Amino acid sequence: MAEQVNLDEVVTNIMYGLTNVIAEQTRLNDAKAVLYMALHNMQIYREETGLSTQVDNTSEWVRLFLASMLVRGCTEKTVETYKQEYKQFLLL
């Protein structure tokens, strides 16, 4: 889930970058005021760029369930019907 970023953190990071560009404190203060006015009604979220570590084992679980149906004595036709239903369901 994306984490909301505090407006003060955003402005501080921008101001830090501007200190290398703008040397006068008055102009820095003006830039800070403009940033707060422009961003005051916005919500900013940190972008999630990490890769998911969750592995989808659904097809393996379905395969094992269908195999257990055969062991329990279900007919090939019943197992095939279940297989087709699972395919249809998982495509949604």
PDB file of N, CA and C in Angstrom:
ATOM      1  N   MET A   1       0.841  -1.179   0.000  1.00  0.00           N
ATOM      2  CA  MET A   1       0.000   0.000   0.000  1.00  0.00           C
ATOM      3  C   MET A   1       0.884   1.238   0.000  1.00  0.00           C
ATOM      4  N   ALA A   2       0.466   2.227  -0.748  1.00  0.00           N
ATOM      5  CA  ALA A   2       1.258   3.444  -0.861  1.00  0.00           C
ATOM      6  C   ALA A   2       1.180   4.249   0.435  1.00  0.00           C
ATOM      7  N   GLU A   3       2.297   4.802   0.809  1.00  0.00           N
ATOM      8  CA  GLU A   3       2.402   5.591   2.037  1.00  0.00           C
ATOM      9  C   GLU A   3       2.235   7.070   1.705  1.00  0.00           C
ATOM     10  N   GLN A   4       1.344   7.746   2.441  1.00  0.00           N
ATOM     11  CA  GLN A   4       1.148   9.171   2.207  1.00  0.00           C
ATOM     12  C   GLN A   4       2.359   9.921   2.759  1.00  0.00           C
ATOM     13  N   VAL A   5       2.793  10.915   2.004  1.00  0.00           N
ATOM     14  CA  VAL A   5       3.967  11.704   2.372  1.00  0.00           C
ATOM     15  C   VAL A   5       3.500  13.030   2.965  1.00  0.00           C
ATOM     16  N   ASN A   6       4.129  13.436   4.042  1.00  0.00           N
ATOM     17  CA  ASN A   6       3.828  14.693   4.699  1.00  0.00           C
ATOM     18  C   ASN A   6       4.247  15.851   3.796  1.00  0.00           C
ATOM     19  N   LEU A   7       3.390  16.871   3.683  1.00  0.00           N
ATOM     20  CA  LEU A   7       3.676  18.035   2.838  1.00  0.00           C
ATOM     21  C   LEU A   7       4.971  18.727   3.261  1.00  0.00           C
ATOM     22  N   ASP A   8       5.204  18.814   4.562  1.00  0.00           N
ATOM     23  CA  ASP A   8       6.435  19.451   5.047  1.00  0.00           C
ATOM     24  C   ASP A   8       7.677  18.715   4.547  1.00  0.00           C
ATOM     25  N   GLU A   9       7.588  17.388   4.476  1.00  0.00           N
ATOM     26  CA  GLU A   9       8.717  16.600   3.977  1.00  0.00           C
ATOM     27  C   GLU A   9       8.995  16.913   2.509  1.00  0.00           C
ATOM     28  N   VAL A  10       7.934  17.030   1.722  1.00  0.00           N
ATOM     29  CA  VAL A  10       8.084  17.340   0.296  1.00  0.00           C
ATOM     30  C   VAL A  10       8.713  18.718   0.115  1.00  0.00           C
ATOM     31  N   VAL A  11       8.166  19.703   0.812  1.00  0.00           N
ATOM     32  CA  VAL A  11       8.685  21.076   0.683  1.00  0.00           C
ATOM     33  C   VAL A  11      10.130  21.147   1.155  1.00  0.00           C
ATOM     34  N   THR A  12      10.437  20.482   2.248  1.00  0.00           N
ATOM     35  CA  THR A  12      11.812  20.484   2.761  1.00  0.00           C
ATOM     36  C   THR A  12      12.782  19.892   1.749  1.00  0.00           C
ATOM     37  N   ASN A  13      12.403  18.794   1.121  1.00  0.00           N
ATOM     38  CA  ASN A  13      13.273  18.170   0.120  1.00  0.00           C
ATOM     39  C   ASN A  13      13.483  19.078  -1.091  1.00  0.00           C
ATOM     40  N   ILE A  14      12.427  19.749  -1.514  1.00  0.00           N
ATOM     41  CA  ILE A  14      12.558  20.671  -2.646  1.00  0.00           C
ATOM     42  C   ILE A  14      13.424  21.864  -2.257  1.00  0.00           C
ATOM     43  N   MET A  15      13.190  22.387  -1.075  1.00  0.00           N
ATOM     44  CA  MET A  15      13.965  23.542  -0.619  1.00  0.00           C
ATOM     45  C   MET A  15      15.444  23.198  -0.490  1.00  0.00           C
ATOM     46  N   TYR A  16      15.734  21.988  -0.046  1.00  0.00           N
ATOM     47  CA  TYR A  16      17.127  21.551   0.050  1.00  0.00           C
ATOM     48  C   TYR A  16      17.787  21.594  -1.333  1.00  0.00           C
ATOM     49  N   GLY A  17      17.060  21.147  -2.342  1.00  0.00           N
ATOM     50  CA  GLY A  17      17.590  21.180  -3.711  1.00  0.00           C
ATOM     51  C   GLY A  17      17.745  22.599  -4.241  1.00  0.00           C
ATOM     52  N   LEU A  18      16.830  23.474  -3.833  1.00  0.00           N
ATOM     53  CA  LEU A  18      16.892  24.856  -4.307  1.00  0.00           C
ATOM     54  C   LEU A  18      18.021  25.655  -3.671  1.00  0.00           C
ATOM     55  N   THR A  19      18.508  25.235  -2.521  1.00  0.00           N
ATOM     56  CA  THR A  19      19.593  25.987  -1.878  1.00  0.00           C
ATOM     57  C   THR A  19      20.853  25.990  -2.734  1.00  0.00           C
ATOM     58  N   ASN A  20      20.992  25.021  -3.605  1.00  0.00           N
ATOM     59  CA  ASN A  20      22.135  24.993  -4.521  1.00  0.00           C
ATOM     60  C   ASN A  20      21.930  25.927  -5.713  1.00  0.00           C
ATOM     61  N   VAL A  21      20.679  26.340  -5.944  1.00  0.00           N
ATOM     62  CA  VAL A  21      20.348  27.169  -7.098  1.00  0.00           C
ATOM     63  C   VAL A  21      20.102  28.625  -6.695  1.00  0.00           C
ATOM     64  N   ILE A  22      19.441  28.803  -5.549  1.00  0.00           N
ATOM     65  CA  ILE A  22      19.094  30.143  -5.073  1.00  0.00           C
ATOM     66  C   ILE A  22      19.918  30.447  -3.828  1.00  0.00           C
ATOM     67  N   ALA A  23      20.705  31.517  -3.890  1.00  0.00           N
ATOM     68  CA  ALA A  23      21.587  31.858  -2.771  1.00  0.00           C
ATOM     69  C   ALA A  23      20.937  32.819  -1.784  1.00  0.00           C
ATOM     70  N   GLU A  24      19.997  33.630  -2.237  1.00  0.00           N
ATOM     71  CA  GLU A  24      19.391  34.642  -1.374  1.00  0.00           C
ATOM     72  C   GLU A  24      18.294  34.043  -0.499  1.00  0.00           C
ATOM     73  N   GLN A  25      18.350  34.302   0.797  1.00  0.00           N
ATOM     74  CA  GLN A  25      17.367  33.770   1.737  1.00  0.00           C
ATOM     75  C   GLN A  25      15.959  34.287   1.441  1.00  0.00           C
ATOM     76  N   THR A  26      15.840  35.531   1.026  1.00  0.00           N
ATOM     77  CA  THR A  26      14.524  36.109   0.715  1.00  0.00           C
ATOM     78  C   THR A  26      13.859  35.352  -0.427  1.00  0.00           C
ATOM     79  N   ARG A  27      14.634  35.064  -1.456  1.00  0.00           N
ATOM     80  CA  ARG A  27      14.079  34.325  -2.604  1.00  0.00           C
ATOM     81  C   ARG A  27      13.739  32.893  -2.215  1.00  0.00           C
ATOM     82  N   LEU A  28      14.537  32.275  -1.323  1.00  0.00           N
ATOM     83  CA  LEU A  28      14.229  30.926  -0.831  1.00  0.00           C
ATOM     84  C   LEU A  28      12.909  30.932  -0.057  1.00  0.00           C
ATOM     85  N   ASN A  29      12.718  31.931   0.782  1.00  0.00           N
ATOM     86  CA  ASN A  29      11.470  32.034   1.542  1.00  0.00           C
ATOM     87  C   ASN A  29      10.274  32.223   0.620  1.00  0.00           C
ATOM     88  N   ASP A  30      10.450  33.031  -0.436  1.00  0.00           N
ATOM     89  CA  ASP A  30       9.376  33.222  -1.411  1.00  0.00           C
ATOM     90  C   ASP A  30       9.048  31.907  -2.121  1.00  0.00           C
ATOM     91  N   ALA A  31      10.079  31.173  -2.506  1.00  0.00           N
ATOM     92  CA  ALA A  31       9.875  29.885  -3.177  1.00  0.00           C
ATOM     93  C   ALA A  31       9.147  28.909  -2.245  1.00  0.00           C
ATOM     94  N   LYS A  32       9.502  28.913  -0.977  1.00  0.00           N
ATOM     95  CA  LYS A  32       8.858  28.028   0.005  1.00  0.00           C
ATOM     96  C   LYS A  32       7.376  28.387   0.137  1.00  0.00           C
ATOM     97  N   ALA A  33       7.068  29.675   0.185  1.00  0.00           N
ATOM     98  CA  ALA A  33       5.677  30.113   0.287  1.00  0.00           C
ATOM     99  C   ALA A  33       4.879  29.684  -0.944  1.00  0.00           C
ATOM    100  N   VAL A  34       5.483  29.819  -2.107  1.00  0.00           N
ATOM    101  CA  VAL A  34       4.814  29.411  -3.351  1.00  0.00           C
ATOM    102  C   VAL A  34       4.543  27.911  -3.337  1.00  0.00           C
ATOM    103  N   LEU A  35       5.505  27.130  -2.888  1.00  0.00           N
ATOM    104  CA  LEU A  35       5.315  25.675  -2.813  1.00  0.00           C
ATOM    105  C   LEU A  35       4.154  25.312  -1.895  1.00  0.00           C
ATOM    106  N   TYR A  36       4.108  25.903  -0.712  1.00  0.00           N
ATOM    107  CA  TYR A  36       3.011  25.614   0.219  1.00  0.00           C
ATOM    108  C   TYR A  36       1.658  26.019  -0.363  1.00  0.00           C
ATOM    109  N   MET A  37       1.600  27.144  -1.057  1.00  0.00           N
ATOM    110  CA  MET A  37       0.334  27.574  -1.665  1.00  0.00           C
ATOM    111  C   MET A  37      -0.085  26.627  -2.782  1.00  0.00           C
ATOM    112  N   ALA A  38       0.847  26.182  -3.570  1.00  0.00           N
ATOM    113  CA  ALA A  38       0.527  25.312  -4.701  1.00  0.00           C
ATOM    114  C   ALA A  38       0.156  23.895  -4.262  1.00  0.00           C
ATOM    115  N   LEU A  39       0.724  23.432  -3.163  1.00  0.00           N
ATOM    116  CA  LEU A  39       0.535  22.046  -2.738  1.00  0.00           C
ATOM    117  C   LEU A  39      -0.435  21.877  -1.565  1.00  0.00           C
ATOM    118  N   HIS A  40      -0.998  22.961  -1.056  1.00  0.00           N
ATOM    119  CA  HIS A  40      -1.772  22.891   0.181  1.00  0.00           C
ATOM    120  C   HIS A  40      -2.979  21.954   0.121  1.00  0.00           C
ATOM    121  N   ASN A  41      -3.592  21.768  -1.014  1.00  0.00           N
ATOM    122  CA  ASN A  41      -4.783  20.919  -1.094  1.00  0.00           C
ATOM    123  C   ASN A  41      -4.516  19.604  -1.829  1.00  0.00           C
ATOM    124  N   MET A  42      -3.279  19.189  -1.861  1.00  0.00           N
ATOM    125  CA  MET A  42      -2.919  17.951  -2.555  1.00  0.00           C
ATOM    126  C   MET A  42      -2.457  16.894  -1.566  1.00  0.00           C
ATOM    127  N   GLN A  43      -2.685  15.647  -1.965  1.00  0.00           N
ATOM    128  CA  GLN A  43      -2.171  14.515  -1.205  1.00  0.00           C
ATOM    129  C   GLN A  43      -1.095  13.863  -2.050  1.00  0.00           C
ATOM    130  N   ILE A  44       0.042  13.596  -1.445  1.00  0.00           N
ATOM    131  CA  ILE A  44       1.172  13.022  -2.169  1.00  0.00           C
ATOM    132  C   ILE A  44       1.499  11.672  -1.548  1.00  0.00           C
ATOM    133  N   TYR A  45       1.699  10.671  -2.394  1.00  0.00           N
ATOM    134  CA  TYR A  45       1.997   9.318  -1.930  1.00  0.00           C
ATOM    135  C   TYR A  45       3.345   8.872  -2.476  1.00  0.00           C
ATOM    136  N   ARG A  46       4.083   8.180  -1.632  1.00  0.00           N
ATOM    137  CA  ARG A  46       5.368   7.620  -2.033  1.00  0.00           C
ATOM    138  C   ARG A  46       5.106   6.446  -2.968  1.00  0.00           C
ATOM    139  N   GLU A  47       5.773   6.438  -4.099  1.00  0.00           N
ATOM    140  CA  GLU A  47       5.586   5.381  -5.091  1.00  0.00           C
ATOM    141  C   GLU A  47       6.183   4.073  -4.589  1.00  0.00           C
ATOM    142  N   GLU A  48       5.416   2.999  -4.723  1.00  0.00           N
ATOM    143  CA  GLU A  48       5.884   1.673  -4.329  1.00  0.00           C
ATOM    144  C   GLU A  48       6.563   1.041  -5.530  1.00  0.00           C
ATOM    145  N   THR A  49       7.860   0.809  -5.426  1.00  0.00           N
ATOM    146  CA  THR A  49       8.606   0.260  -6.558  1.00  0.00           C
ATOM    147  C   THR A  49       9.175  -1.125  -6.279  1.00  0.00           C
ATOM    148  N   GLY A  50       8.910  -1.657  -5.095  1.00  0.00           N
ATOM    149  CA  GLY A  50       9.437  -2.975  -4.757  1.00  0.00           C
ATOM    150  C   GLY A  50       8.706  -4.080  -5.497  1.00  0.00           C
ATOM    151  N   LEU A  51       9.398  -5.146  -5.757  1.00  0.00           N
ATOM    152  CA  LEU A  51       8.795  -6.300  -6.409  1.00  0.00           C
ATOM    153  C   LEU A  51       8.040  -7.135  -5.383  1.00  0.00           C
ATOM    154  N   SER A  52       6.954  -7.704  -5.805  1.00  0.00           N
ATOM    155  CA  SER A  52       6.176  -8.554  -4.920  1.00  0.00           C
ATOM    156  C   SER A  52       6.937  -9.845  -4.645  1.00  0.00           C
ATOM    157  N   THR A  53       6.888 -10.268  -3.395  1.00  0.00           N
ATOM    158  CA  THR A  53       7.520 -11.538  -3.028  1.00  0.00           C
ATOM    159  C   THR A  53       6.484 -12.647  -2.929  1.00  0.00           C
ATOM    160  N   GLN A  54       5.238 -12.296  -3.182  1.00  0.00           N
ATOM    161  CA  GLN A  54       4.161 -13.266  -3.110  1.00  0.00           C
ATOM    162  C   GLN A  54       4.131 -14.095  -4.394  1.00  0.00           C
ATOM    163  N   VAL A  55       4.081 -15.397  -4.238  1.00  0.00           N
ATOM    164  CA  VAL A  55       4.048 -16.302  -5.379  1.00  0.00           C
ATOM    165  C   VAL A  55       2.634 -16.866  -5.502  1.00  0.00           C
ATOM    166  N   ASP A  56       2.116 -16.890  -6.708  1.00  0.00           N
ATOM    167  CA  ASP A  56       0.773 -17.419  -6.936  1.00  0.00           C
ATOM    168  C   ASP A  56       0.856 -18.918  -7.183  1.00  0.00           C
ATOM    169  N   ASN A  57       0.400 -19.685  -6.208  1.00  0.00           N
ATOM    170  CA  ASN A  57       0.421 -21.147  -6.300  1.00  0.00           C
ATOM    171  C   ASN A  57      -0.942 -21.723  -6.664  1.00  0.00           C
ATOM    172  N   THR A  58      -1.838 -20.892  -7.147  1.00  0.00           N
ATOM    173  CA  THR A  58      -3.207 -21.327  -7.399  1.00  0.00           C
ATOM    174  C   THR A  58      -3.274 -22.518  -8.338  1.00  0.00           C
ATOM    175  N   SER A  59      -2.538 -22.493  -9.435  1.00  0.00           N
ATOM    176  CA  SER A  59      -2.619 -23.600 -10.402  1.00  0.00           C
ATOM    177  C   SER A  59      -2.145 -24.912  -9.776  1.00  0.00           C
ATOM    178  N   GLU A  60      -1.145 -24.847  -8.910  1.00  0.00           N
ATOM    179  CA  GLU A  60      -0.665 -26.065  -8.231  1.00  0.00           C
ATOM    180  C   GLU A  60      -1.716 -26.587  -7.260  1.00  0.00           C
ATOM    181  N   TRP A  61      -2.376 -25.688  -6.539  1.00  0.00           N
ATOM    182  CA  TRP A  61      -3.418 -26.117  -5.602  1.00  0.00           C
ATOM    183  C   TRP A  61      -4.595 -26.746  -6.337  1.00  0.00           C
ATOM    184  N   VAL A  62      -4.965 -26.171  -7.478  1.00  0.00           N
ATOM    185  CA  VAL A  62      -6.057 -26.739  -8.266  1.00  0.00           C
ATOM    186  C   VAL A  62      -5.654 -28.114  -8.787  1.00  0.00           C
ATOM    187  N   ARG A  63      -4.422 -28.241  -9.266  1.00  0.00           N
ATOM    188  CA  ARG A  63      -3.945 -29.532  -9.761  1.00  0.00           C
ATOM    189  C   ARG A  63      -3.997 -30.598  -8.656  1.00  0.00           C
ATOM    190  N   LEU A  64      -3.558 -30.242  -7.464  1.00  0.00           N
ATOM    191  CA  LEU A  64      -3.585 -31.187  -6.341  1.00  0.00           C
ATOM    192  C   LEU A  64      -5.014 -31.541  -5.946  1.00  0.00           C
ATOM    193  N   PHE A  65      -5.906 -30.560  -5.962  1.00  0.00           N
ATOM    194  CA  PHE A  65      -7.300 -30.829  -5.634  1.00  0.00           C
ATOM    195  C   PHE A  65      -7.925 -31.787  -6.644  1.00  0.00           C
ATOM    196  N   LEU A  66      -7.652 -31.545  -7.935  1.00  0.00           N
ATOM    197  CA  LEU A  66      -8.202 -32.433  -8.966  1.00  0.00           C
ATOM    198  C   LEU A  66      -7.647 -33.849  -8.826  1.00  0.00           C
ATOM    199  N   ALA A  67      -6.363 -33.960  -8.489  1.00  0.00           N
ATOM    200  CA  ALA A  67      -5.764 -35.286  -8.275  1.00  0.00           C
ATOM    201  C   ALA A  67      -6.409 -35.971  -7.075  1.00  0.00           C
ATOM    202  N   SER A  68      -6.713 -35.200  -6.026  1.00  0.00           N
ATOM    203  CA  SER A  68      -7.349 -35.800  -4.841  1.00  0.00           C
ATOM    204  C   SER A  68      -8.761 -36.278  -5.159  1.00  0.00           C
ATOM    205  N   MET A  69      -9.421 -35.618  -6.108  1.00  0.00           N
ATOM    206  CA  MET A  69     -10.749 -36.061  -6.518  1.00  0.00           C
ATOM    207  C   MET A  69     -10.679 -37.460  -7.134  1.00  0.00           C
ATOM    208  N   LEU A  70      -9.645 -37.689  -7.955  1.00  0.00           N
ATOM    209  CA  LEU A  70      -9.476 -39.018  -8.558  1.00  0.00           C
ATOM    210  C   LEU A  70      -9.216 -40.070  -7.485  1.00  0.00           C
ATOM    211  N   VAL A  71      -8.397 -39.723  -6.497  1.00  0.00           N
ATOM    212  CA  VAL A  71      -8.080 -40.650  -5.402  1.00  0.00           C
ATOM    213  C   VAL A  71      -9.343 -40.975  -4.603  1.00  0.00           C
ATOM    214  N   ARG A  72     -10.219 -39.997  -4.432  1.00  0.00           N
ATOM    215  CA  ARG A  72     -11.467 -40.213  -3.679  1.00  0.00           C
ATOM    216  C   ARG A  72     -12.506 -40.980  -4.488  1.00  0.00           C
ATOM    217  N   GLY A  73     -12.222 -41.250  -5.775  1.00  0.00           N
ATOM    218  CA  GLY A  73     -13.122 -42.067  -6.571  1.00  0.00           C
ATOM    219  C   GLY A  73     -14.011 -41.307  -7.534  1.00  0.00           C
ATOM    220  N   CYS A  74     -13.773 -40.018  -7.720  1.00  0.00           N
ATOM    221  CA  CYS A  74     -14.567 -39.266  -8.701  1.00  0.00           C
ATOM    222  C   CYS A  74     -14.204 -39.732 -10.107  1.00  0.00           C
ATOM    223  N   THR A  75     -15.149 -39.629 -11.015  1.00  0.00           N
ATOM    224  CA  THR A  75     -14.903 -40.070 -12.386  1.00  0.00           C
ATOM    225  C   THR A  75     -14.052 -39.053 -13.126  1.00  0.00           C
ATOM    226  N   GLU A  76     -13.439 -39.508 -14.210  1.00  0.00           N
ATOM    227  CA  GLU A  76     -12.636 -38.625 -15.055  1.00  0.00           C
ATOM    228  C   GLU A  76     -13.490 -37.466 -15.576  1.00  0.00           C
ATOM    229  N   LYS A  77     -14.730 -37.764 -15.933  1.00  0.00           N
ATOM    230  CA  LYS A  77     -15.632 -36.724 -16.459  1.00  0.00           C
ATOM    231  C   LYS A  77     -15.895 -35.659 -15.393  1.00  0.00           C
ATOM    232  N   THR A  78     -16.107 -36.067 -14.154  1.00  0.00           N
ATOM    233  CA  THR A  78     -16.335 -35.106 -13.059  1.00  0.00           C
ATOM    234  C   THR A  78     -15.111 -34.230 -12.858  1.00  0.00           C
ATOM    235  N   VAL A  79     -13.939 -34.845 -12.837  1.00  0.00           N
ATOM    236  CA  VAL A  79     -12.689 -34.103 -12.642  1.00  0.00           C
ATOM    237  C   VAL A  79     -12.489 -33.120 -13.792  1.00  0.00           C
ATOM    238  N   GLU A  80     -12.761 -33.547 -15.018  1.00  0.00           N
ATOM    239  CA  GLU A  80     -12.613 -32.665 -16.175  1.00  0.00           C
ATOM    240  C   GLU A  80     -13.591 -31.486 -16.091  1.00  0.00           C
ATOM    241  N   THR A  81     -14.806 -31.753 -15.631  1.00  0.00           N
ATOM    242  CA  THR A  81     -15.790 -30.673 -15.470  1.00  0.00           C
ATOM    243  C   THR A  81     -15.295 -29.653 -14.439  1.00  0.00           C
ATOM    244  N   TYR A  82     -14.795 -30.135 -13.308  1.00  0.00           N
ATOM    245  CA  TYR A  82     -14.237 -29.240 -12.299  1.00  0.00           C
ATOM    246  C   TYR A  82     -13.058 -28.439 -12.866  1.00  0.00           C
ATOM    247  N   LYS A  83     -12.222 -29.119 -13.622  1.00  0.00           N
ATOM    248  CA  LYS A  83     -11.061 -28.454 -14.213  1.00  0.00           C
ATOM    249  C   LYS A  83     -11.490 -27.295 -15.114  1.00  0.00           C
ATOM    250  N   GLN A  84     -12.490 -27.525 -15.943  1.00  0.00           N
ATOM    251  CA  GLN A  84     -12.984 -26.483 -16.843  1.00  0.00           C
ATOM    252  C   GLN A  84     -13.616 -25.327 -16.060  1.00  0.00           C
ATOM    253  N   GLU A  85     -14.337 -25.679 -14.996  1.00  0.00           N
ATOM    254  CA  GLU A  85     -14.942 -24.634 -14.160  1.00  0.00           C
ATOM    255  C   GLU A  85     -13.871 -23.775 -13.476  1.00  0.00           C
ATOM    256  N   TYR A  86     -12.822 -24.398 -12.966  1.00  0.00           N
ATOM    257  CA  TYR A  86     -11.736 -23.643 -12.344  1.00  0.00           C
ATOM    258  C   TYR A  86     -11.048 -22.745 -13.363  1.00  0.00           C
ATOM    259  N   LYS A  87     -10.820 -23.240 -14.566  1.00  0.00           N
ATOM    260  CA  LYS A  87     -10.205 -22.416 -15.619  1.00  0.00           C
ATOM    261  C   LYS A  87     -11.045 -21.171 -15.871  1.00  0.00           C
ATOM    262  N   GLN A  88     -12.351 -21.388 -16.019  1.00  0.00           N
ATOM    263  CA  GLN A  88     -13.269 -20.277 -16.284  1.00  0.00           C
ATOM    264  C   GLN A  88     -13.264 -19.299 -15.115  1.00  0.00           C
ATOM    265  N   PHE A  89     -13.320 -19.813 -13.897  1.00  0.00           N
ATOM    266  CA  PHE A  89     -13.353 -18.970 -12.706  1.00  0.00           C
ATOM    267  C   PHE A  89     -12.068 -18.148 -12.567  1.00  0.00           C
ATOM    268  N   LEU A  90     -10.912 -18.757 -12.807  1.00  0.00           N
ATOM    269  CA  LEU A  90      -9.637 -18.079 -12.607  1.00  0.00           C
ATOM    270  C   LEU A  90      -9.328 -17.066 -13.705  1.00  0.00           C
ATOM    271  N   LEU A  91     -10.027 -17.143 -14.813  1.00  0.00           N
ATOM    272  CA  LEU A  91      -9.836 -16.164 -15.885  1.00  0.00           C
ATOM    273  C   LEU A  91     -10.557 -14.857 -15.602  1.00  0.00           C
ATOM    274  N   LEU A  92     -11.510 -14.871 -14.677  1.00  0.00           N
ATOM    275  CA  LEU A  92     -12.281 -13.656 -14.374  1.00  0.00           C
ATOM    276  C   LEU A  92     -11.485 -12.648 -13.639  1.00  0.00           C
TER     277      LEU A  92
END
